[in-house]
Amino acid sequence: MLSERRRRVYLAGQWNEHDNNWKQTFKQISGIEFYDPEIDSDQSSPDKYFPQDLEGIASSIMMVANPGIAPSEATWMEVGYFYALNTKVPGERCPRLIIVWKEERTPKWSVGFIQMAGILVNSIEEARDELLKFTNSDRKLGQ
């Protein structure tokens, strides 16, 4: 239930060191709590971080996913879990899911599948703008 969730946004995807500290762009936004798996879960083993990250997803009302341009299996697991928790029927678009799909990302055929899931943008800056639109609209975080 959204009313039971915090004003939390889950930052899924590439670690900061692998993509120009992309998470800092979001963490500068005031009034939002961010769940960053790099910081907020014990990364010493999958037995620890996997359940902690799933709880972080379940307690978040939005997700920004940045799979980068390399294989991103963990990111897609996070996206799928968030999508399943935040949609009612298969094929429904989730307006609380923002996915960064950089132009150079391959394979190109899969972008159509990803567009069906949520809001697709081409850059970190566009993702930040989408998050700000959401937080400044009638659909305030936490409602």
Foldseek 3Di string as FASTA:
>chain_A
DLLPADLEEEEAADDCVVPVNLCVLVVVDPPGHYDYLVPNWDPPDCVTSVVVVLVSLLRYQAYEYEHDQDDRVVRVVSLVSNLVNQDDDPQAERARYEYADAPNHDDPVCVVVVVSHYHYHHDSVVSNVSVVCCCPDPNHRSD
